[in-house]
């Protein structure tokens, strides 16, 4: 969300809400039918205009002036406007349309019938639930039940939280998929046998798709989200930070588990065992270590761009419960359901090896976050050659 309009006079709590939105990178604009002097005074009172801001055009403008501009000029001028006075419903609509054409994500708040066109045109329309007219409510996407502009801050927080949680789950999901796919493909090509069978992969997918989604999707919003820059309309869902984290974790898991696959018998000192039993133990260790890697990496996925991945983890009881349930089921699978999953019981040394492999993902994630990433999304590097071919 990049733009936010307030269409009515200043209400209690608005000034603080405007300050929080501004700090979150959301530009707040006021569009009103009052004369320009009254609009300036209200905007200054609300904190929309500050002492150092310009109180003249193009920062402050009348609706008739903006309406008289050409469509191209409106698009250019819209980004500079903070306050619009003496505006008509069509002026509000024109401003929303101009900002959206420029690539901005626009939210509009309002309660009157004349606000309906702008509420409907905006990416997010927020109507007041108490004083708002039925027309405004029907045109809006969200209804603020308490008519408090400060509730918009909650909308921003929860909106960013939902988006961030989706990104966390995607990062976690892709890491599991990439690692499992590469391990099985390389092992099958080289030796004709796969370390992770269908039943084991079914359990891994259950962790990833169901339990993992529940754990990461229930992360509550944090203050850190309000210090991020807004996400643009054309920005990719998978960021460069996510690609960095994904590649580091997947590469580590693939390397370690392939080493176990090809040299596991000697590493685990199974040379004296029968070939069949040694292979079963080796594959059981690979499967167990792979699952534990996902459990440890689930903590890393909570904070893709923060060093301390444990911040607030104890307050999210559902996350801790899901991780605990996953670990308990994995212990039961290894120790008691060997016939079903084609595994064997592991001794404490082998369990220690598996836990150690999973644990390394934590310091590895910390070190990885010091690796800088380019600002240009990776997707653009792949798209550019195709665009050049089209032009040619």
Protein backbone atom coordinates (compact mmCIF):
# COMPACT_ATOMS: atom_id res chain seq x y z
CA UNK A 1 0.00 0.00 0.00
CA UNK A 2 1.67 3.26 -1.11
CA UNK A 3 -1.05 5.92 -0.94
CA UNK A 4 -3.80 6.65 1.50
CA UNK A 5 -6.47 9.33 1.16
CA UNK A 6 -8.40 10.96 3.98
CA UNK A 7 -11.54 12.49 2.56
CA UNK A 8 -13.01 14.06 5.72
CA UNK A 9 -11.99 16.56 8.47
CA UNK A 10 -9.49 15.53 11.12
CA UNK A 11 -10.79 13.14 13.78
CA UNK A 12 -9.29 12.13 17.13
CA UNK A 13 -6.30 9.79 16.81
CA UNK A 14 -5.72 10.69 13.18
CA UNK A 15 -2.46 12.56 13.76
CA UNK A 16 -0.75 9.59 15.35
CA UNK A 17 -2.15 7.25 12.69
CA UNK A 18 -0.82 9.54 9.94
CA UNK A 19 2.60 9.53 11.60
CA UNK A 20 2.69 5.71 11.78
CA UNK A 21 1.58 5.40 8.15
CA UNK A 22 4.23 7.89 7.01
CA UNK A 23 6.95 6.01 8.88
CA UNK A 24 5.72 2.82 7.19
CA UNK A 25 6.27 4.39 3.77
CA UNK A 26 2.59 5.09 3.11
CA UNK A 27 1.99 8.58 1.70
CA UNK A 28 -1.16 10.07 3.19
CA UNK A 29 -3.13 12.54 1.05
CA UNK A 30 -6.20 14.56 1.97
CA UNK A 31 -8.94 15.25 -0.57
CA UNK A 32 -11.76 17.52 0.61
CA UNK A 33 -14.50 19.73 -0.71
CA UNK A 34 -13.53 22.52 1.71
CA UNK A 35 -11.75 25.63 0.44
CA UNK A 36 -7.99 25.49 0.10
CA UNK A 37 -7.21 27.47 3.29
CA UNK A 38 -9.41 25.24 5.44
CA UNK A 39 -7.86 22.18 3.79
CA UNK A 40 -4.35 23.41 4.63
CA UNK A 41 -5.29 24.01 8.26
CA UNK A 42 -6.87 20.56 8.67
CA UNK A 43 -3.94 18.88 6.92
CA UNK A 44 -1.47 20.67 9.19
CA UNK A 45 -3.50 19.73 12.26
CA UNK A 46 -3.55 16.07 11.20
CA UNK A 47 0.15 15.97 10.42
CA UNK A 48 -0.41 15.40 6.71
CA UNK A 49 1.41 18.68 6.07
CA UNK A 50 4.45 19.43 8.21
CA UNK A 51 6.14 22.75 9.09
CA UNK A 52 8.78 22.21 6.39
CA UNK A 53 6.34 21.23 3.65
CA UNK A 54 5.41 23.48 0.77
CA UNK A 55 1.91 24.93 1.19
CA UNK A 56 1.58 25.88 -2.47
CA UNK A 57 1.24 24.07 -5.80
CA UNK A 58 1.88 21.32 -6.68
CA UNK A 59 1.89 20.03 -3.07
CA UNK A 60 -1.42 21.77 -2.34
CA UNK A 61 -3.86 22.17 -5.22
CA UNK A 62 -7.48 22.92 -5.96
CA UNK A 63 -9.64 20.31 -7.63
CA UNK A 64 -10.50 22.58 -10.55
CA UNK A 65 -6.80 23.10 -11.36
CA UNK A 66 -6.10 19.37 -11.32
CA UNK A 67 -9.24 18.69 -13.38
CA UNK A 68 -8.10 21.09 -16.12
CA UNK A 69 -4.80 19.26 -16.67
CA UNK A 70 -4.31 16.79 -19.49
CA UNK A 71 -4.37 13.09 -18.67
CA UNK A 72 -0.57 12.82 -18.94
CA UNK A 73 -0.03 15.90 -16.74
CA UNK A 74 -2.49 14.57 -14.17
CA UNK A 75 -0.46 11.36 -13.90
CA UNK A 76 2.75 13.33 -13.35
CA UNK A 77 1.23 15.89 -10.96
CA UNK A 78 -0.67 13.30 -8.90
CA UNK A 79 2.51 11.96 -7.29
CA UNK A 80 3.34 15.46 -5.97
CA UNK A 81 -0.09 16.26 -4.51
CA UNK A 82 -0.57 16.01 -0.73
CA UNK A 83 -3.71 18.12 -0.24
CA UNK A 84 -6.53 18.81 -2.69
CA UNK A 85 -9.15 21.40 -1.74
CA UNK A 86 -12.45 22.38 -3.34
CA UNK A 87 -12.61 18.98 -4.97
CA UNK A 88 -15.60 17.32 -6.56
CA UNK A 89 -16.26 13.55 -6.55
CA UNK A 90 -14.86 13.41 -10.09
CA UNK A 91 -11.60 15.05 -8.92
CA UNK A 92 -11.11 12.35 -6.28
CA UNK A 93 -11.75 9.72 -8.91
CA UNK A 94 -9.31 11.32 -11.35
CA UNK A 95 -6.59 11.44 -8.69
CA UNK A 96 -7.03 7.76 -7.84
CA UNK A 97 -6.95 6.80 -11.52
CA UNK A 98 -3.83 8.91 -12.16
CA UNK A 99 -1.95 7.35 -9.24
CA UNK A 100 -2.90 3.82 -10.28
CA UNK A 101 -1.76 4.47 -13.84
CA UNK A 102 1.58 5.54 -12.39
CA UNK A 103 1.95 2.12 -10.76
CA UNK A 104 1.02 3.09 -7.19
CA UNK A 105 -1.15 0.97 -4.93
CA UNK A 106 -3.95 3.23 -3.71
CA UNK A 107 -6.24 3.02 -0.69
CA UNK A 108 -9.12 5.45 -0.10
CA UNK A 109 -11.12 6.14 3.05
CA UNK A 110 -14.51 7.85 2.99
CA UNK A 111 -18.06 7.78 4.31
CA UNK A 112 -20.19 9.79 1.88
CA UNK A 113 -22.10 8.86 -1.23
CA UNK A 114 -19.84 11.18 -3.22
CA UNK A 115 -16.83 9.09 -2.10
CA UNK A 116 -18.25 5.93 -3.73
CA UNK A 117 -16.58 6.30 -7.17
CA UNK A 118 -13.13 6.78 -5.60
CA UNK A 119 -13.72 3.93 -3.11
CA UNK A 120 -14.70 1.62 -5.95
CA UNK A 121 -11.79 2.61 -8.21
CA UNK A 122 -9.10 2.30 -5.52
CA UNK A 123 -7.13 -0.89 -4.94
CA UNK A 124 -8.50 -0.86 -1.39
CA UNK A 125 -11.62 1.07 -0.46
CA UNK A 126 -12.25 1.63 3.26
CA UNK A 127 -15.70 2.91 4.25
CA UNK A 128 -16.78 4.08 7.72
CA UNK A 129 -19.20 1.65 9.34
CA UNK A 130 -21.14 4.06 11.59
CA UNK A 131 -21.38 7.33 9.65
CA UNK A 132 -20.83 5.80 6.23
CA UNK A 133 -23.68 5.66 3.77
CA UNK A 134 -24.88 2.39 2.30
CA UNK A 135 -23.57 3.43 -1.12
CA UNK A 136 -20.09 4.01 0.33
CA UNK A 137 -20.14 0.66 2.16
CA UNK A 138 -21.20 -1.23 -0.94
CA UNK A 139 -18.44 0.43 -2.98
CA UNK A 140 -15.72 -0.31 -0.41
CA UNK A 141 -13.64 -3.45 0.10
CA UNK A 142 -13.28 -3.01 3.88
CA UNK A 143 -15.67 -1.42 6.39
CA UNK A 144 -14.12 0.22 9.46
CA UNK A 145 -16.67 -0.58 12.16
CA UNK A 146 -15.49 1.97 14.74
CA UNK A 147 -15.10 4.88 12.25
CA UNK A 148 -11.59 5.40 13.65
CA UNK A 149 -8.95 6.39 11.12
CA UNK A 150 -6.38 4.78 13.42
CA UNK A 151 -7.87 1.41 12.40
CA UNK A 152 -6.25 1.95 9.01
CA UNK A 153 -2.91 1.31 10.73
CA UNK A 154 -4.23 -2.13 11.75
CA UNK A 155 -5.26 -2.76 8.15
CA UNK A 156 -1.73 -1.96 6.97
CA UNK A 157 -0.15 -4.12 9.70
CA UNK A 158 -2.33 -7.15 9.02
CA UNK A 159 -2.11 -6.74 5.26
CA UNK A 160 1.68 -6.73 5.41
CA UNK A 161 1.61 -9.64 7.87
CA UNK A 162 -0.49 -11.82 5.55
CA UNK A 163 1.76 -10.99 2.59
CA UNK A 164 4.91 -11.70 4.62
CA UNK A 165 3.51 -15.01 5.90
CA UNK A 166 2.75 -16.12 2.35
CA UNK A 167 6.35 -15.32 1.41
CA UNK A 168 7.67 -17.27 4.42
CA UNK A 169 5.67 -20.33 3.45
CA UNK A 170 6.77 -20.12 -0.19
CA UNK A 171 10.42 -19.90 0.84
CA UNK A 172 10.02 -22.89 3.15
CA UNK A 173 8.08 -24.88 0.56
CA UNK A 174 10.54 -24.26 -2.27
CA UNK A 175 13.51 -25.20 -0.06
CA UNK A 176 11.94 -28.58 0.73
CA UNK A 177 10.95 -29.23 -2.88
CA UNK A 178 14.29 -28.26 -4.40
CA UNK A 179 16.30 -30.29 -1.88
CA UNK A 180 14.12 -33.43 -2.16
CA UNK A 181 14.03 -33.26 -5.96
CA UNK A 182 17.80 -32.82 -6.41
CA UNK A 183 18.69 -35.51 -3.85
CA UNK A 184 16.45 -38.15 -5.44
CA UNK A 185 17.31 -37.24 -9.05
CA UNK A 186 21.07 -37.26 -8.49
CA UNK A 187 20.93 -40.48 -6.44
CA UNK A 188 18.72 -42.27 -8.99
CA UNK A 189 20.89 -41.25 -11.95
CA UNK A 190 24.16 -42.22 -10.27
CA UNK A 191 23.18 -45.41 -8.42
CA UNK A 192 19.73 -46.33 -9.70
CA UNK A 193 18.27 -46.13 -6.19
CA UNK A 194 16.57 -43.28 -4.30
CA UNK A 195 17.17 -42.59 -0.59
CA UNK A 196 13.70 -41.05 -0.07
CA UNK A 197 10.83 -43.37 -1.00
CA UNK A 198 7.21 -42.45 -1.82
CA UNK A 199 5.87 -42.87 1.73
CA UNK A 200 8.67 -40.77 3.19
CA UNK A 201 8.12 -38.03 0.63
CA UNK A 202 4.40 -38.12 1.44
CA UNK A 203 5.23 -37.36 5.08
CA UNK A 204 7.67 -34.63 4.03
CA UNK A 205 4.96 -33.06 1.87
CA UNK A 206 2.54 -33.23 4.78
CA UNK A 207 5.04 -31.24 6.86
CA UNK A 208 5.51 -28.77 4.05
CA UNK A 209 1.97 -28.24 2.78
CA UNK A 210 -0.19 -28.67 5.87
CA UNK A 211 1.72 -28.34 9.12
CA UNK A 212 4.25 -25.91 7.67
CA UNK A 213 1.51 -23.69 6.28
CA UNK A 214 -0.33 -23.65 9.61
CA UNK A 215 2.84 -22.84 11.53
CA UNK A 216 4.06 -20.00 9.30
CA UNK A 217 0.68 -18.56 8.31
CA UNK A 218 -0.24 -17.91 11.94
CA UNK A 219 2.70 -15.58 12.65
CA UNK A 220 1.20 -12.38 14.15
CA UNK A 221 2.13 -8.92 12.77
CA UNK A 222 5.23 -7.27 14.24
CA UNK A 223 6.52 -3.70 14.41
CA UNK A 224 9.32 -4.71 12.05
CA UNK A 225 6.78 -4.98 9.23
CA UNK A 226 5.85 -1.31 9.63
CA UNK A 227 9.45 -0.27 8.95
CA UNK A 228 9.57 -2.00 5.58
CA UNK A 229 9.05 -0.11 2.35
CA UNK A 230 5.69 -0.80 0.68
CA UNK A 231 5.54 -3.55 -1.93
CA UNK A 232 5.00 -2.21 -5.43
CA UNK A 233 2.34 -3.46 -7.79
CA UNK A 234 4.90 -5.01 -10.15
CA UNK A 235 7.34 -6.38 -7.58
CA UNK A 236 7.84 -10.18 -7.60
CA UNK A 237 6.43 -12.31 -4.80
CA UNK A 238 9.75 -14.14 -4.40
CA UNK A 239 12.33 -11.52 -3.42
CA UNK A 240 16.10 -11.69 -3.78
CA UNK A 241 16.37 -12.21 -0.01
CA UNK A 242 14.11 -15.25 -0.31
CA UNK A 243 16.18 -16.63 -3.21
CA UNK A 244 19.36 -16.19 -1.16
CA UNK A 245 17.93 -18.00 1.88
CA UNK A 246 16.40 -20.73 -0.29
CA UNK A 247 19.60 -21.43 -2.24
CA UNK A 248 21.79 -21.52 0.88
CA UNK A 249 19.56 -23.96 2.77
CA UNK A 250 18.75 -26.16 -0.23
CA UNK A 251 22.42 -26.32 -1.29
CA UNK A 252 23.48 -27.28 2.24
CA UNK A 253 20.85 -30.00 2.54
CA UNK A 254 21.62 -31.43 -0.90
CA UNK A 255 25.39 -31.52 -0.30
CA UNK A 256 25.22 -33.08 3.16
CA UNK A 257 22.59 -35.68 2.31
CA UNK A 258 24.26 -36.67 -0.96
CA UNK A 259 27.52 -37.17 0.94
CA UNK A 260 25.60 -39.44 3.30
CA UNK A 261 24.03 -41.24 0.36
CA UNK A 262 27.35 -42.05 -1.33
CA UNK A 263 29.66 -42.33 1.70
CA UNK A 264 27.19 -42.91 4.50
CA UNK A 265 28.20 -46.50 5.20
CA UNK A 266 31.78 -45.54 6.00
CA UNK A 267 30.83 -42.30 7.81
CA UNK A 268 28.31 -44.15 10.00
CA UNK A 269 30.72 -47.10 10.39
CA UNK A 270 28.38 -49.64 8.81
CA UNK A 271 30.97 -51.51 6.76
CA UNK A 272 30.80 -54.53 9.07
CA UNK A 273 27.00 -54.76 8.70
CA UNK A 274 25.21 -56.71 5.98
CA UNK A 275 24.71 -54.75 2.77
CA UNK A 276 20.92 -54.71 3.10
CA UNK A 277 20.92 -53.59 6.74
CA UNK A 278 23.63 -50.99 6.14
CA UNK A 279 21.63 -49.52 3.24
CA UNK A 280 18.47 -49.43 5.38
CA UNK A 281 20.28 -47.62 8.21
CA UNK A 282 21.92 -45.17 5.81
CA UNK A 283 18.59 -44.34 4.11
CA UNK A 284 16.87 -44.03 7.50
CA UNK A 285 19.53 -41.52 8.62
CA UNK A 286 19.11 -39.56 5.37
CA UNK A 287 15.32 -39.47 5.78
CA UNK A 288 15.53 -38.50 9.45
CA UNK A 289 18.17 -35.82 8.85
CA UNK A 290 16.15 -34.41 5.95
CA UNK A 291 13.01 -34.07 8.09
CA UNK A 292 14.95 -32.53 10.99
CA UNK A 293 16.50 -30.05 8.54
CA UNK A 294 12.98 -28.91 7.65
CA UNK A 295 12.01 -28.59 11.32
CA UNK A 296 15.08 -26.44 12.06
CA UNK A 297 14.62 -24.47 8.84
CA UNK A 298 11.02 -23.72 9.81
CA UNK A 299 12.44 -21.37 12.45
CA UNK A 300 14.64 -19.71 9.82
CA UNK A 301 11.62 -19.16 7.59
CA UNK A 302 9.91 -17.12 10.35
CA UNK A 303 12.35 -14.22 9.88
CA UNK A 304 13.72 -14.18 6.31
CA UNK A 305 15.49 -10.82 6.76
CA UNK A 306 16.25 -10.80 10.51
CA UNK A 307 19.19 -12.29 12.38
CA UNK A 308 17.22 -13.34 15.47
CA UNK A 309 14.80 -15.96 14.15
CA UNK A 310 13.61 -16.80 17.68
CA UNK A 311 12.15 -13.37 18.42
CA UNK A 312 8.58 -13.83 19.67
CA UNK A 313 8.57 -17.56 18.96
CA UNK A 314 7.41 -18.49 22.46
CA UNK A 315 4.33 -16.27 22.14
CA UNK A 316 3.19 -18.15 19.03
CA UNK A 317 1.85 -21.23 20.77
CA UNK A 318 0.42 -22.72 17.57
CA UNK A 319 3.84 -22.60 15.87
CA UNK A 320 5.57 -24.23 18.83
CA UNK A 321 2.80 -26.83 19.07
CA UNK A 322 3.04 -27.75 15.39
CA UNK A 323 6.83 -28.04 15.54
CA UNK A 324 6.53 -30.20 18.66
CA UNK A 325 3.88 -32.46 17.07
CA UNK A 326 5.99 -32.83 13.91
CA UNK A 327 9.04 -33.85 15.96
CA UNK A 328 7.06 -36.37 18.04
CA UNK A 329 5.52 -37.97 14.94
CA UNK A 330 8.96 -38.19 13.31
CA UNK A 331 10.32 -40.01 16.39
CA UNK A 332 7.37 -42.42 16.28
CA UNK A 333 7.90 -43.05 12.55
CA UNK A 334 11.59 -43.88 12.97
CA UNK A 335 11.28 -45.92 16.14
CA UNK A 336 7.95 -47.73 15.68
CA UNK A 337 6.66 -47.50 12.09
CA UNK A 338 9.63 -48.96 10.24
CA UNK A 339 7.58 -51.44 8.20
CA UNK A 340 5.28 -48.68 6.93
CA UNK A 341 8.05 -46.21 5.97
CA UNK A 342 10.77 -48.77 5.16
CA UNK A 343 13.08 -47.48 7.89
CA UNK A 344 14.93 -49.02 10.83
CA UNK A 345 15.45 -47.87 14.40
CA UNK A 346 18.40 -45.56 14.94
CA UNK A 347 20.71 -45.55 17.96
CA UNK A 348 21.52 -42.40 19.94
CA UNK A 349 24.70 -41.70 17.95
CA UNK A 350 22.80 -41.77 14.67
CA UNK A 351 20.11 -39.54 16.15
CA UNK A 352 22.86 -37.16 17.27
CA UNK A 353 24.21 -37.04 13.71
CA UNK A 354 20.73 -36.21 12.37
CA UNK A 355 20.14 -33.48 14.97
CA UNK A 356 23.60 -32.03 14.28
CA UNK A 357 22.91 -31.85 10.54
CA UNK A 358 19.62 -30.05 11.19
CA UNK A 359 21.11 -27.72 13.80
CA UNK A 360 23.78 -26.41 11.42
CA UNK A 361 21.02 -24.74 9.38
CA UNK A 362 20.65 -22.14 12.16
CA UNK A 363 24.20 -20.68 12.15
CA UNK A 364 24.25 -21.13 8.37
CA UNK A 365 21.16 -18.94 8.07
CA UNK A 366 22.75 -16.25 10.26
CA UNK A 367 25.93 -16.20 8.16
CA UNK A 368 23.87 -16.17 4.96
CA UNK A 369 22.01 -13.03 5.98
CA UNK A 370 25.28 -11.07 5.85
CA UNK A 371 25.52 -11.83 2.13
CA UNK A 372 24.26 -8.76 0.22
CA UNK A 373 21.65 -9.20 -2.50
CA UNK A 374 21.13 -7.00 -5.58
CA UNK A 375 18.22 -4.57 -5.54
CA UNK A 376 17.10 -5.61 -9.03
CA UNK A 377 14.82 -8.67 -8.80
CA UNK A 378 16.41 -11.82 -10.23
CA UNK A 379 13.36 -12.39 -12.44
CA UNK A 380 14.24 -9.29 -14.46
CA UNK A 381 17.61 -10.76 -15.43
CA UNK A 382 15.80 -13.74 -16.99
CA UNK A 383 13.13 -11.58 -18.67
CA UNK A 384 15.54 -9.14 -20.33
CA UNK A 385 16.91 -11.58 -22.97
CA UNK A 386 13.36 -12.46 -24.07
CA UNK A 387 12.44 -8.77 -24.34
CA UNK A 388 15.52 -8.16 -26.50
CA UNK A 389 14.51 -11.04 -28.79
CA UNK A 390 11.00 -9.60 -29.16
CA UNK A 391 12.40 -6.17 -30.06
CA UNK A 392 14.77 -7.75 -32.56
